[in-house]
Amino acid sequence: MSNLLLNFPPGFFTTPASKAILARAETLAAASGGGVRKTSHNTPEEIRADLAWADHLIYWSWPVLEDAVLDAAPNLTWSGQLDCSRTGAETALRRKLPLSLGKFCWSPAVSEMALTLTLGLLRRTSDYHAAMRAGTETWVGDFPTSIDVRERELTGRSVGIIGFGRIGRRYRELLAPFHCVVRTYDPFLPAEAAVAAGVQLTDLNTVLADSDVVVICAANNPGSQKLIGAPEIARLRKDAVFINVARSALVDYDALSARLAHGDLSAALDVFDQEPLALDSPLRRQANLYLTPHRAGGLMASVERGLGQLVGDYERVLKGLAPQFPLLPQMVPGLDG
């Protein structure tokens, strides 16, 4: 018998695609002779009573399953999560609580956004679009003298990837047709894995100084906060493209703004220290900074992929089979927090 707790924001239970996938989990629980509770708890205090009832849990990532929470959940034998903090992962591993992780469901969409921003900044498509809308565009007249040399193709460029997890690796795959020279900085990446992926594993300063394009794909953990500060931003080459689709805590945005003010760098940010971004944020007023509202991974395809993985593992657990998407100790360094 499986008493299943589904804990998600309310929209997961009403949006047709996610509702249908979660309904499959409900059917599995009912077939086992158990019950289902659908909740939207945000705090340990709110979830405690329902968690004490549950044998299995499928949820996003909060409240974090720390010791105090799990101590009140004696029946819980498996958890399936769309994401997991480092603290939650370490707790689950220490307590030998099987945990399936759907975190990598976001990676394909995030890497595609990174490529989109790379091409957009190099080809200046946002600038051209805005100018065409406003009727202020400049047409090429004295050719080739009037070509804007800041507009470049991606083919053959040097690209630096900071953090070579699932997102960084997929982004590198997407770069393959462009025949780029790709370097990466990732202290957790084995040298043989870098060779297999066709990237040069090197130090952070080399990635920053020798790349036309730099993309941040790393996790936010104590060792990476403000990884890119003023000294690092100063090392970016003239007219480089700088993109952050990871976490805002990795980059000193004040230092980035100061460099952008010189006009010799273009950047794109999808993540911010405060979300939603304040309407009066200075970031909104920098002409060579392109902003997207934390949309890199947030596609329905990502949600469907992640929920499908978790419900699939739930079915395997009920059948006594090993999950296909288990949390493994080697994943912990790549988790936030």
C-alpha atoms as a PDB file:
ATOM      1  CA  MET A   1       0.000   0.000   0.000  1.00  0.00           C
ATOM      2  CA  SER A   2       1.199   3.486  -0.833  1.00  0.00           C
ATOM      3  CA  ASN A   3      -0.118   6.644   0.769  1.00  0.00           C
ATOM      4  CA  LEU A   4       1.073   9.274  -1.690  1.00  0.00           C
ATOM      5  CA  LEU A   5       1.554  12.947  -0.895  1.00  0.00           C
ATOM      6  CA  LEU A   6       1.666  15.306  -3.886  1.00  0.00           C
ATOM      7  CA  ASN A   7       2.885  18.729  -2.770  1.00  0.00           C
ATOM      8  CA  PHE A   8       3.062  21.359  -5.517  1.00  0.00           C
ATOM      9  CA  PRO A   9       1.959  24.923  -6.174  1.00  0.00           C
ATOM     10  CA  PRO A  10      -1.780  24.920  -7.032  1.00  0.00           C
ATOM     11  CA  GLY A  11      -1.225  25.366 -10.753  1.00  0.00           C
ATOM     12  CA  PHE A  12       0.295  21.903 -11.054  1.00  0.00           C
ATOM     13  CA  PHE A  13      -3.082  20.427 -10.173  1.00  0.00           C
ATOM     14  CA  THR A  14      -5.047  22.513 -12.680  1.00  0.00           C
ATOM     15  CA  THR A  15      -2.782  22.923 -15.735  1.00  0.00           C
ATOM     16  CA  PRO A  16      -3.884  20.152 -18.133  1.00  0.00           C
ATOM     17  CA  ALA A  17      -0.434  18.730 -18.936  1.00  0.00           C
ATOM     18  CA  SER A  18       0.846  18.510 -15.366  1.00  0.00           C
ATOM     19  CA  LYS A  19      -2.571  17.498 -14.023  1.00  0.00           C
ATOM     20  CA  ALA A  20      -2.647  14.516 -16.383  1.00  0.00           C
ATOM     21  CA  ILE A  21       0.785  13.286 -15.308  1.00  0.00           C
ATOM     22  CA  LEU A  22      -0.020  13.634 -11.618  1.00  0.00           C
ATOM     23  CA  ALA A  23      -3.315  11.822 -12.223  1.00  0.00           C
ATOM     24  CA  ARG A  24      -1.262   8.829 -13.325  1.00  0.00           C
ATOM     25  CA  ALA A  25       0.488   8.878  -9.951  1.00  0.00           C
ATOM     26  CA  GLU A  26      -2.888   9.020  -8.222  1.00  0.00           C
ATOM     27  CA  THR A  27      -4.013   5.961 -10.196  1.00  0.00           C
ATOM     28  CA  LEU A  28      -0.894   4.067  -9.149  1.00  0.00           C
ATOM     29  CA  ALA A  29      -1.441   4.934  -5.492  1.00  0.00           C
ATOM     30  CA  ALA A  30      -5.094   3.872  -5.647  1.00  0.00           C
ATOM     31  CA  ALA A  31      -4.143   0.578  -7.324  1.00  0.00           C
ATOM     32  CA  SER A  32      -1.813  -0.127  -4.409  1.00  0.00           C
ATOM     33  CA  GLY A  33      -4.674   0.310  -1.957  1.00  0.00           C
ATOM     34  CA  GLY A  34      -3.385   3.619  -0.650  1.00  0.00           C
ATOM     35  CA  GLY A  35      -4.680   7.153  -0.551  1.00  0.00           C
ATOM     36  CA  VAL A  36      -3.609  10.437  -2.106  1.00  0.00           C
ATOM     37  CA  ARG A  37      -3.329  13.888  -0.607  1.00  0.00           C
ATOM     38  CA  LYS A  38      -2.767  16.927  -2.826  1.00  0.00           C
ATOM     39  CA  THR A  39      -1.334  19.887  -0.962  1.00  0.00           C
ATOM     40  CA  SER A  40       0.534  23.146  -1.588  1.00  0.00           C
ATOM     41  CA  HIS A  41       2.524  23.469   1.627  1.00  0.00           C
ATOM     42  CA  ASN A  42       5.429  25.902   1.808  1.00  0.00           C
ATOM     43  CA  THR A  43       6.790  25.459   5.329  1.00  0.00           C
ATOM     44  CA  PRO A  44       7.893  22.510   7.499  1.00  0.00           C
ATOM     45  CA  GLU A  45       5.093  23.299   9.928  1.00  0.00           C
ATOM     46  CA  GLU A  46       2.471  23.102   7.195  1.00  0.00           C
ATOM     47  CA  ILE A  47       3.664  19.821   5.696  1.00  0.00           C
ATOM     48  CA  ARG A  48       4.468  17.935   8.901  1.00  0.00           C
ATOM     49  CA  ALA A  49       1.090  16.260   9.488  1.00  0.00           C
ATOM     50  CA  ASP A  50       0.628  15.171   5.882  1.00  0.00           C
ATOM     51  CA  LEU A  51       4.215  13.946   5.680  1.00  0.00           C
ATOM     52  CA  ALA A  52       3.704  11.841   8.800  1.00  0.00           C
ATOM     53  CA  TRP A  53       0.861  10.100   6.932  1.00  0.00           C
ATOM     54  CA  ALA A  54       2.748   9.550   3.664  1.00  0.00           C
ATOM     55  CA  ASP A  55       4.671   6.515   2.476  1.00  0.00           C
ATOM     56  CA  HIS A  56       5.820   8.278  -0.687  1.00  0.00           C
ATOM     57  CA  LEU A  57       6.209  11.920  -1.642  1.00  0.00           C
ATOM     58  CA  ILE A  58       6.345  13.688  -5.021  1.00  0.00           C
ATOM     59  CA  TYR A  59       6.993  17.425  -4.856  1.00  0.00           C
ATOM     60  CA  TRP A  60       9.136  20.311  -6.091  1.00  0.00           C
ATOM     61  CA  SER A  61      11.843  21.011  -3.510  1.00  0.00           C
ATOM     62  CA  TRP A  62      10.328  22.829  -0.565  1.00  0.00           C
ATOM     63  CA  PRO A  63       9.985  22.610   2.327  1.00  0.00           C
ATOM     64  CA  VAL A  64      13.511  21.153   2.510  1.00  0.00           C
ATOM     65  CA  LEU A  65      13.477  17.665   3.976  1.00  0.00           C
ATOM     66  CA  GLU A  66      15.866  18.304   6.842  1.00  0.00           C
ATOM     67  CA  ASP A  67      16.246  16.050   9.870  1.00  0.00           C
ATOM     68  CA  ALA A  68      13.566  17.791  11.924  1.00  0.00           C
ATOM     69  CA  VAL A  69      11.063  17.281   9.107  1.00  0.00           C
ATOM     70  CA  LEU A  70      11.996  13.676   8.383  1.00  0.00           C
ATOM     71  CA  ASP A  71      11.961  12.772  12.068  1.00  0.00           C
ATOM     72  CA  ALA A  72       8.213  13.400  11.903  1.00  0.00           C
ATOM     73  CA  ALA A  73       7.783  11.187   8.817  1.00  0.00           C
ATOM     74  CA  PRO A  74       8.441   7.620  10.009  1.00  0.00           C
ATOM     75  CA  ASN A  75       6.612   5.987   7.092  1.00  0.00           C
ATOM     76  CA  LEU A  76       8.346   7.853   4.279  1.00  0.00           C
ATOM     77  CA  THR A  77      10.398   5.419   2.187  1.00  0.00           C
ATOM     78  CA  TRP A  78      10.889   7.365  -1.068  1.00  0.00           C
ATOM     79  CA  SER A  79      10.765  10.941  -2.309  1.00  0.00           C
ATOM     80  CA  GLY A  80      10.590  12.199  -5.897  1.00  0.00           C
ATOM     81  CA  GLN A  81      11.611  15.830  -6.342  1.00  0.00           C
ATOM     82  CA  LEU A  82      11.824  18.257  -9.255  1.00  0.00           C
ATOM     83  CA  ASP A  83      14.760  19.901  -7.518  1.00  0.00           C
ATOM     84  CA  CYS A  84      16.770  19.472  -4.354  1.00  0.00           C
ATOM     85  CA  SER A  85      19.036  21.690  -2.302  1.00  0.00           C
ATOM     86  CA  ARG A  86      22.460  20.505  -1.254  1.00  0.00           C
ATOM     87  CA  THR A  87      21.242  20.360   2.354  1.00  0.00           C
ATOM     88  CA  GLY A  88      18.252  18.226   1.427  1.00  0.00           C
ATOM     89  CA  ALA A  89      20.388  15.918  -0.695  1.00  0.00           C
ATOM     90  CA  GLU A  90      23.010  15.429   1.984  1.00  0.00           C
ATOM     91  CA  THR A  91      20.290  14.689   4.538  1.00  0.00           C
ATOM     92  CA  ALA A  92      18.602  12.119   2.301  1.00  0.00           C
ATOM     93  CA  LEU A  93      21.896  10.395   1.516  1.00  0.00           C
ATOM     94  CA  ARG A  94      22.946  10.304   5.156  1.00  0.00           C
ATOM     95  CA  ARG A  95      19.595   8.871   6.216  1.00  0.00           C
ATOM     96  CA  LYS A  96      19.576   6.472   3.257  1.00  0.00           C
ATOM     97  CA  LEU A  97      16.220   7.818   2.099  1.00  0.00           C
ATOM     98  CA  PRO A  98      15.859   6.915  -1.599  1.00  0.00           C
ATOM     99  CA  LEU A  99      15.313  10.082  -3.596  1.00  0.00           C
ATOM    100  CA  SER A 100      14.586  10.469  -7.298  1.00  0.00           C
ATOM    101  CA  LEU A 101      15.667  13.770  -8.764  1.00  0.00           C
ATOM    102  CA  GLY A 102      14.035  15.371 -11.800  1.00  0.00           C
ATOM    103  CA  LYS A 103      16.249  18.464 -11.613  1.00  0.00           C
ATOM    104  CA  PHE A 104      17.776  17.880 -15.019  1.00  0.00           C
ATOM    105  CA  CYS A 105      14.407  18.266 -16.720  1.00  0.00           C
ATOM    106  CA  TRP A 106      15.210  21.975 -17.039  1.00  0.00           C
ATOM    107  CA  SER A 107      18.617  21.527 -18.667  1.00  0.00           C
ATOM    108  CA  PRO A 108      17.605  21.223 -22.351  1.00  0.00           C
ATOM    109  CA  ALA A 109      15.544  24.421 -22.258  1.00  0.00           C
ATOM    110  CA  VAL A 110      18.181  26.369 -20.310  1.00  0.00           C
ATOM    111  CA  SER A 111      20.926  25.359 -22.727  1.00  0.00           C
ATOM    112  CA  GLU A 112      18.751  26.362 -25.695  1.00  0.00           C
ATOM    113  CA  MET A 113      18.162  29.742 -24.065  1.00  0.00           C
ATOM    114  CA  ALA A 114      21.920  30.121 -23.627  1.00  0.00           C
ATOM    115  CA  LEU A 115      22.390  29.475 -27.346  1.00  0.00           C
ATOM    116  CA  THR A 116      19.538  31.853 -28.200  1.00  0.00           C
ATOM    117  CA  LEU A 117      21.127  34.639 -26.165  1.00  0.00           C
ATOM    118  CA  THR A 118      24.560  33.888 -27.602  1.00  0.00           C
ATOM    119  CA  LEU A 119      23.325  34.280 -31.165  1.00  0.00           C
ATOM    120  CA  GLY A 120      21.109  37.228 -30.276  1.00  0.00           C
ATOM    121  CA  LEU A 121      23.940  39.201 -28.717  1.00  0.00           C
ATOM    122  CA  LEU A 122      26.458  38.410 -31.409  1.00  0.00           C
ATOM    123  CA  ARG A 123      23.991  39.268 -34.200  1.00  0.00           C
ATOM    124  CA  ARG A 124      22.380  42.150 -32.242  1.00  0.00           C
ATOM    125  CA  THR A 125      18.880  40.990 -33.121  1.00  0.00           C
ATOM    126  CA  SER A 126      17.220  42.679 -30.133  1.00  0.00           C
ATOM    127  CA  ASP A 127      18.751  46.015 -31.109  1.00  0.00           C
ATOM    128  CA  TYR A 128      17.587  45.672 -34.687  1.00  0.00           C
ATOM    129  CA  HIS A 129      14.105  44.606 -33.642  1.00  0.00           C
ATOM    130  CA  ALA A 130      13.710  47.564 -31.261  1.00  0.00           C
ATOM    131  CA  ALA A 131      14.976  49.995 -33.871  1.00  0.00           C
ATOM    132  CA  MET A 132      12.643  48.619 -36.531  1.00  0.00           C
ATOM    133  CA  ARG A 133       9.686  48.918 -34.155  1.00  0.00           C
ATOM    134  CA  ALA A 134      10.636  52.515 -33.398  1.00  0.00           C
ATOM    135  CA  GLY A 135      11.426  53.389 -37.010  1.00  0.00           C
ATOM    136  CA  THR A 136      14.975  54.394 -36.064  1.00  0.00           C
ATOM    137  CA  GLU A 137      16.887  51.604 -37.789  1.00  0.00           C
ATOM    138  CA  THR A 138      20.037  52.267 -39.792  1.00  0.00           C
ATOM    139  CA  TRP A 139      20.292  50.602 -43.190  1.00  0.00           C
ATOM    140  CA  VAL A 140      23.616  49.650 -44.676  1.00  0.00           C
ATOM    141  CA  GLY A 141      24.613  52.433 -47.022  1.00  0.00           C
ATOM    142  CA  ASP A 142      28.306  52.717 -47.788  1.00  0.00           C
ATOM    143  CA  PHE A 143      29.058  48.995 -47.981  1.00  0.00           C
ATOM    144  CA  PRO A 144      31.164  47.602 -46.356  1.00  0.00           C
ATOM    145  CA  THR A 145      32.301  50.755 -44.538  1.00  0.00           C
ATOM    146  CA  SER A 146      29.034  51.128 -42.643  1.00  0.00           C
ATOM    147  CA  ILE A 147      28.921  47.556 -41.344  1.00  0.00           C
ATOM    148  CA  ASP A 148      28.833  47.459 -37.537  1.00  0.00           C
ATOM    149  CA  VAL A 149      31.901  45.379 -36.672  1.00  0.00           C
ATOM    150  CA  ARG A 150      30.400  44.516 -33.285  1.00  0.00           C
ATOM    151  CA  GLU A 151      27.981  42.224 -35.108  1.00  0.00           C
ATOM    152  CA  ARG A 152      29.697  38.875 -35.533  1.00  0.00           C
ATOM    153  CA  GLU A 153      28.924  35.286 -36.434  1.00  0.00           C
ATOM    154  CA  LEU A 154      29.236  32.501 -33.884  1.00  0.00           C
ATOM    155  CA  THR A 155      31.077  30.178 -36.239  1.00  0.00           C
ATOM    156  CA  GLY A 156      34.694  29.740 -35.184  1.00  0.00           C
ATOM    157  CA  ARG A 157      34.373  31.867 -32.056  1.00  0.00           C
ATOM    158  CA  SER A 158      36.012  30.985 -28.749  1.00  0.00           C
ATOM    159  CA  VAL A 159      33.402  30.124 -26.123  1.00  0.00           C
ATOM    160  CA  GLY A 160      33.927  29.730 -22.380  1.00  0.00           C
ATOM    161  CA  ILE A 161      31.521  27.718 -20.242  1.00  0.00           C
ATOM    162  CA  ILE A 162      31.705  28.175 -16.477  1.00  0.00           C
ATOM    163  CA  GLY A 163      30.175  25.086 -14.886  1.00  0.00           C
ATOM    164  CA  PHE A 164      30.053  21.956 -17.031  1.00  0.00           C
ATOM    165  CA  GLY A 165      27.057  20.085 -15.663  1.00  0.00           C
ATOM    166  CA  ARG A 166      24.009  19.010 -17.665  1.00  0.00           C
ATOM    167  CA  ILE A 167      23.327  22.545 -18.928  1.00  0.00           C
ATOM    168  CA  GLY A 168      26.924  23.267 -19.851  1.00  0.00           C
ATOM    169  CA  ARG A 169      27.308  19.922 -21.606  1.00  0.00           C
ATOM    170  CA  ARG A 170      24.126  20.333 -23.618  1.00  0.00           C
ATOM    171  CA  TYR A 171      25.106  23.886 -24.560  1.00  0.00           C
ATOM    172  CA  ARG A 172      28.422  22.546 -25.783  1.00  0.00           C
ATOM    173  CA  GLU A 173      26.548  19.973 -27.925  1.00  0.00           C
ATOM    174  CA  LEU A 174      24.448  22.741 -29.433  1.00  0.00           C
ATOM    175  CA  LEU A 175      27.637  24.607 -30.374  1.00  0.00           C
ATOM    176  CA  ALA A 176      28.946  21.687 -32.422  1.00  0.00           C
ATOM    177  CA  PRO A 177      27.748  22.948 -35.851  1.00  0.00           C
ATOM    178  CA  PHE A 178      29.471  26.287 -35.214  1.00  0.00           C
ATOM    179  CA  HIS A 179      32.953  24.744 -34.850  1.00  0.00           C
ATOM    180  CA  CYS A 180      33.799  26.870 -31.826  1.00  0.00           C
ATOM    181  CA  VAL A 181      36.879  26.556 -29.653  1.00  0.00           C
ATOM    182  CA  VAL A 182      35.289  25.671 -26.318  1.00  0.00           C
ATOM    183  CA  ARG A 183      36.947  26.042 -22.917  1.00  0.00           C
ATOM    184  CA  THR A 184      35.440  25.277 -19.546  1.00  0.00           C
ATOM    185  CA  TYR A 185      36.140  25.963 -15.912  1.00  0.00           C
ATOM    186  CA  ASP A 186      34.678  23.402 -13.532  1.00  0.00           C
ATOM    187  CA  PRO A 187      36.690  22.194 -10.507  1.00  0.00           C
ATOM    188  CA  PHE A 188      34.503  19.070 -10.258  1.00  0.00           C
ATOM    189  CA  LEU A 189      34.955  17.961 -13.877  1.00  0.00           C
ATOM    190  CA  PRO A 190      37.393  15.074 -14.444  1.00  0.00           C
ATOM    191  CA  ALA A 191      39.947  15.735 -17.156  1.00  0.00           C
ATOM    192  CA  GLU A 192      38.893  12.656 -19.101  1.00  0.00           C
ATOM    193  CA  ALA A 193      35.269  13.871 -19.156  1.00  0.00           C
ATOM    194  CA  ALA A 194      36.396  17.185 -20.643  1.00  0.00           C
ATOM    195  CA  VAL A 195      38.338  15.385 -23.365  1.00  0.00           C
ATOM    196  CA  ALA A 196      35.328  13.187 -24.154  1.00  0.00           C
ATOM    197  CA  ALA A 197      33.119  16.283 -24.444  1.00  0.00           C
ATOM    198  CA  GLY A 198      35.542  18.062 -26.739  1.00  0.00           C
ATOM    199  CA  VAL A 199      36.337  20.967 -24.413  1.00  0.00           C
ATOM    200  CA  GLN A 200      39.533  22.366 -22.989  1.00  0.00           C
ATOM    201  CA  LEU A 201      39.461  22.173 -19.196  1.00  0.00           C
ATOM    202  CA  THR A 202      41.338  25.161 -17.840  1.00  0.00           C
ATOM    203  CA  ASP A 203      41.386  27.790 -15.095  1.00  0.00           C
ATOM    204  CA  LEU A 204      38.822  30.543 -14.621  1.00  0.00           C
ATOM    205  CA  ASN A 205      41.115  33.388 -15.669  1.00  0.00           C
ATOM    206  CA  THR A 206      41.922  31.697 -18.979  1.00  0.00           C
ATOM    207  CA  VAL A 207      38.254  31.091 -19.742  1.00  0.00           C
ATOM    208  CA  LEU A 208      37.460  34.743 -19.077  1.00  0.00           C
ATOM    209  CA  ALA A 209      40.396  36.264 -20.923  1.00  0.00           C
ATOM    210  CA  ASP A 210      40.426  34.002 -23.983  1.00  0.00           C
ATOM    211  CA  SER A 211      36.724  33.751 -24.825  1.00  0.00           C
ATOM    212  CA  ASP A 212      34.566  35.825 -27.150  1.00  0.00           C
ATOM    213  CA  VAL A 213      31.503  34.387 -25.388  1.00  0.00           C
ATOM    214  CA  VAL A 214      31.300  33.465 -21.690  1.00  0.00           C
ATOM    215  CA  VAL A 215      28.268  31.595 -20.351  1.00  0.00           C
ATOM    216  CA  ILE A 216      27.612  30.944 -16.657  1.00  0.00           C
ATOM    217  CA  CYS A 217      26.080  27.499 -16.082  1.00  0.00           C
ATOM    218  CA  ALA A 218      27.378  26.702 -12.570  1.00  0.00           C
ATOM    219  CA  ALA A 219      25.449  25.867  -9.407  1.00  0.00           C
ATOM    220  CA  ASN A 220      25.077  28.314  -6.535  1.00  0.00           C
ATOM    221  CA  ASN A 221      26.983  26.895  -3.593  1.00  0.00           C
ATOM    222  CA  PRO A 222      29.331  28.365  -0.956  1.00  0.00           C
ATOM    223  CA  GLY A 223      32.313  27.982  -3.258  1.00  0.00           C
ATOM    224  CA  SER A 224      30.746  29.770  -6.213  1.00  0.00           C
ATOM    225  CA  GLN A 225      29.035  32.826  -4.710  1.00  0.00           C
ATOM    226  CA  LYS A 226      30.334  35.974  -6.405  1.00  0.00           C
ATOM    227  CA  LEU A 227      32.633  33.745  -8.424  1.00  0.00           C
ATOM    228  CA  ILE A 228      32.584  36.472 -11.062  1.00  0.00           C
ATOM    229  CA  GLY A 229      33.502  39.692  -9.279  1.00  0.00           C
ATOM    230  CA  ALA A 230      35.131  42.919 -10.403  1.00  0.00           C
ATOM    231  CA  PRO A 231      38.585  41.387 -11.065  1.00  0.00           C
ATOM    232  CA  GLU A 232      37.059  38.612 -13.154  1.00  0.00           C
ATOM    233  CA  ILE A 233      34.805  40.961 -15.115  1.00  0.00           C
ATOM    234  CA  ALA A 234      37.826  43.139 -15.857  1.00  0.00           C
ATOM    235  CA  ARG A 235      39.480  40.138 -17.519  1.00  0.00           C
ATOM    236  CA  LEU A 236      36.717  39.798 -20.118  1.00  0.00           C
ATOM    237  CA  ARG A 237      38.061  40.775 -23.508  1.00  0.00           C
ATOM    238  CA  LYS A 238      36.857  43.841 -25.380  1.00  0.00           C
ATOM    239  CA  ASP A 239      33.446  43.323 -27.018  1.00  0.00           C
ATOM    240  CA  ALA A 240      32.966  39.962 -25.316  1.00  0.00           C
ATOM    241  CA  VAL A 241      29.497  38.525 -24.804  1.00  0.00           C
ATOM    242  CA  PHE A 242      28.661  37.565 -21.200  1.00  0.00           C
ATOM    243  CA  ILE A 243      25.580  35.464 -20.357  1.00  0.00           C
ATOM    244  CA  ASN A 244      24.173  34.253 -17.038  1.00  0.00           C
ATOM    245  CA  VAL A 245      21.482  31.567 -17.188  1.00  0.00           C
ATOM    246  CA  ALA A 246      22.499  30.001 -13.858  1.00  0.00           C
ATOM    247  CA  ARG A 247      22.104  31.924 -10.599  1.00  0.00           C
ATOM    248  CA  SER A 248      22.529  35.636  -9.892  1.00  0.00           C
ATOM    249  CA  ALA A 249      24.592  34.943  -6.749  1.00  0.00           C
ATOM    250  CA  LEU A 250      27.490  33.815  -8.927  1.00  0.00           C
ATOM    251  CA  VAL A 251      28.009  37.283 -10.416  1.00  0.00           C
ATOM    252  CA  ASP A 252      28.625  40.695  -8.898  1.00  0.00           C
ATOM    253  CA  TYR A 253      26.015  42.622 -10.863  1.00  0.00           C
ATOM    254  CA  ASP A 254      27.281  45.993  -9.626  1.00  0.00           C
ATOM    255  CA  ALA A 255      30.706  45.224 -11.069  1.00  0.00           C
ATOM    256  CA  LEU A 256      29.108  43.959 -14.274  1.00  0.00           C
ATOM    257  CA  SER A 257      27.084  47.184 -14.572  1.00  0.00           C
ATOM    258  CA  ALA A 258      30.230  49.247 -14.114  1.00  0.00           C
ATOM    259  CA  ARG A 259      31.967  47.390 -16.948  1.00  0.00           C
ATOM    260  CA  LEU A 260      28.901  47.635 -19.173  1.00  0.00           C
ATOM    261  CA  ALA A 261      28.903  51.407 -18.688  1.00  0.00           C
ATOM    262  CA  HIS A 262      32.169  51.554 -20.634  1.00  0.00           C
ATOM    263  CA  GLY A 263      30.323  50.211 -23.679  1.00  0.00           C
ATOM    264  CA  ASP A 264      32.907  47.543 -24.538  1.00  0.00           C
ATOM    265  CA  LEU A 265      30.898  44.530 -23.378  1.00  0.00           C
ATOM    266  CA  SER A 266      27.436  43.120 -24.018  1.00  0.00           C
ATOM    267  CA  ALA A 267      25.619  40.857 -21.589  1.00  0.00           C
ATOM    268  CA  ALA A 268      22.385  38.950 -21.101  1.00  0.00           C
ATOM    269  CA  LEU A 269      20.855  38.025 -17.743  1.00  0.00           C
ATOM    270  CA  ASP A 270      17.991  35.640 -17.043  1.00  0.00           C
ATOM    271  CA  VAL A 271      18.392  35.579 -13.228  1.00  0.00           C
ATOM    272  CA  PHE A 272      18.428  38.350 -10.653  1.00  0.00           C
ATOM    273  CA  ASP A 273      19.090  38.954  -6.970  1.00  0.00           C
ATOM    274  CA  GLN A 274      15.527  40.184  -6.584  1.00  0.00           C
ATOM    275  CA  GLU A 275      12.734  38.583  -8.602  1.00  0.00           C
ATOM    276  CA  PRO A 276      10.621  40.086 -10.021  1.00  0.00           C
ATOM    277  CA  LEU A 277      13.224  42.680 -10.936  1.00  0.00           C
ATOM    278  CA  ALA A 278      12.351  46.075  -9.476  1.00  0.00           C
ATOM    279  CA  LEU A 279      10.921  48.495 -12.019  1.00  0.00           C
ATOM    280  CA  ASP A 280      13.504  51.094 -11.018  1.00  0.00           C
ATOM    281  CA  SER A 281      16.452  48.693 -11.199  1.00  0.00           C
ATOM    282  CA  PRO A 282      19.443  50.284 -12.969  1.00  0.00           C
ATOM    283  CA  LEU A 283      19.829  47.045 -14.906  1.00  0.00           C
ATOM    284  CA  ARG A 284      16.746  47.960 -16.929  1.00  0.00           C
ATOM    285  CA  ARG A 285      18.434  51.098 -18.242  1.00  0.00           C
ATOM    286  CA  GLN A 286      21.706  49.695 -19.590  1.00  0.00           C
ATOM    287  CA  ALA A 287      21.611  49.735 -23.374  1.00  0.00           C
ATOM    288  CA  ASN A 288      24.046  46.855 -23.881  1.00  0.00           C
ATOM    289  CA  LEU A 289      22.374  44.568 -21.325  1.00  0.00           C
ATOM    290  CA  TYR A 290      19.608  42.218 -22.445  1.00  0.00           C
ATOM    291  CA  LEU A 291      17.133  40.897 -19.907  1.00  0.00           C
ATOM    292  CA  THR A 292      14.751  37.943 -19.772  1.00  0.00           C
ATOM    293  CA  PRO A 293      12.490  37.306 -16.736  1.00  0.00           C
ATOM    294  CA  HIS A 294      13.936  33.974 -15.491  1.00  0.00           C
ATOM    295  CA  ARG A 295      12.441  32.081 -18.420  1.00  0.00           C
ATOM    296  CA  ALA A 296      15.387  29.900 -19.470  1.00  0.00           C
ATOM    297  CA  GLY A 297      14.076  26.581 -18.176  1.00  0.00           C
ATOM    298  CA  GLY A 298      10.431  27.349 -17.602  1.00  0.00           C
ATOM    299  CA  LEU A 299       8.771  25.575 -20.510  1.00  0.00           C
ATOM    300  CA  MET A 300       5.901  23.096 -20.277  1.00  0.00           C
ATOM    301  CA  ALA A 301       8.194  20.573 -21.929  1.00  0.00           C
ATOM    302  CA  SER A 302      10.493  20.880 -18.902  1.00  0.00           C
ATOM    303  CA  VAL A 303       7.632  20.378 -16.453  1.00  0.00           C
ATOM    304  CA  GLU A 304       6.256  17.402 -18.352  1.00  0.00           C
ATOM    305  CA  ARG A 305       9.704  15.845 -18.613  1.00  0.00           C
ATOM    306  CA  GLY A 306      10.423  16.207 -14.895  1.00  0.00           C
ATOM    307  CA  LEU A 307       7.043  15.055 -13.637  1.00  0.00           C
ATOM    308  CA  GLY A 308       7.116  12.141 -16.060  1.00  0.00           C
ATOM    309  CA  GLN A 309      10.486  11.051 -14.696  1.00  0.00           C
ATOM    310  CA  LEU A 310       9.274  11.217 -11.096  1.00  0.00           C
ATOM    311  CA  VAL A 311       6.005   9.393 -11.712  1.00  0.00           C
ATOM    312  CA  GLY A 312       7.889   6.781 -13.715  1.00  0.00           C
ATOM    313  CA  ASP A 313      10.242   6.219 -10.793  1.00  0.00           C
ATOM    314  CA  TYR A 314       7.277   6.073  -8.400  1.00  0.00           C
ATOM    315  CA  GLU A 315       5.841   3.250 -10.482  1.00  0.00           C
ATOM    316  CA  ARG A 316       9.191   1.467 -10.399  1.00  0.00           C
ATOM    317  CA  VAL A 317       9.387   1.839  -6.620  1.00  0.00           C
ATOM    318  CA  LEU A 318       5.928   0.316  -6.257  1.00  0.00           C
ATOM    319  CA  LYS A 319       7.099  -2.624  -8.371  1.00  0.00           C
ATOM    320  CA  GLY A 320      10.228  -3.088  -6.283  1.00  0.00           C
ATOM    321  CA  LEU A 321      12.522  -1.878  -9.066  1.00  0.00           C
ATOM    322  CA  ALA A 322      15.423   0.550  -8.822  1.00  0.00           C
ATOM    323  CA  PRO A 323      14.593   4.144  -9.854  1.00  0.00           C
ATOM    324  CA  GLN A 324      15.972   5.407 -13.150  1.00  0.00           C
ATOM    325  CA  PHE A 325      16.689   8.925 -11.824  1.00  0.00           C
ATOM    326  CA  PRO A 326      18.197   8.422  -8.362  1.00  0.00           C
ATOM    327  CA  LEU A 327      20.071  11.053  -6.405  1.00  0.00           C
ATOM    328  CA  LEU A 328      23.714   9.969  -6.334  1.00  0.00           C
ATOM    329  CA  PRO A 329      26.491  11.304  -4.068  1.00  0.00           C
ATOM    330  CA  GLN A 330      28.451  12.634  -7.039  1.00  0.00           C
ATOM    331  CA  MET A 331      25.544  14.929  -7.905  1.00  0.00           C
ATOM    332  CA  VAL A 332      25.762  16.896  -4.655  1.00  0.00           C
ATOM    333  CA  PRO A 333      28.437  19.436  -5.761  1.00  0.00           C
ATOM    334  CA  GLY A 334      26.176  20.461  -8.640  1.00  0.00           C
ATOM    335  CA  LEU A 335      23.220  21.302  -6.414  1.00  0.00           C
ATOM    336  CA  ASP A 336      22.372  24.805  -5.233  1.00  0.00           C
ATOM    337  CA  GLY A 337      22.679  25.867  -1.630  1.00  0.00           C
END
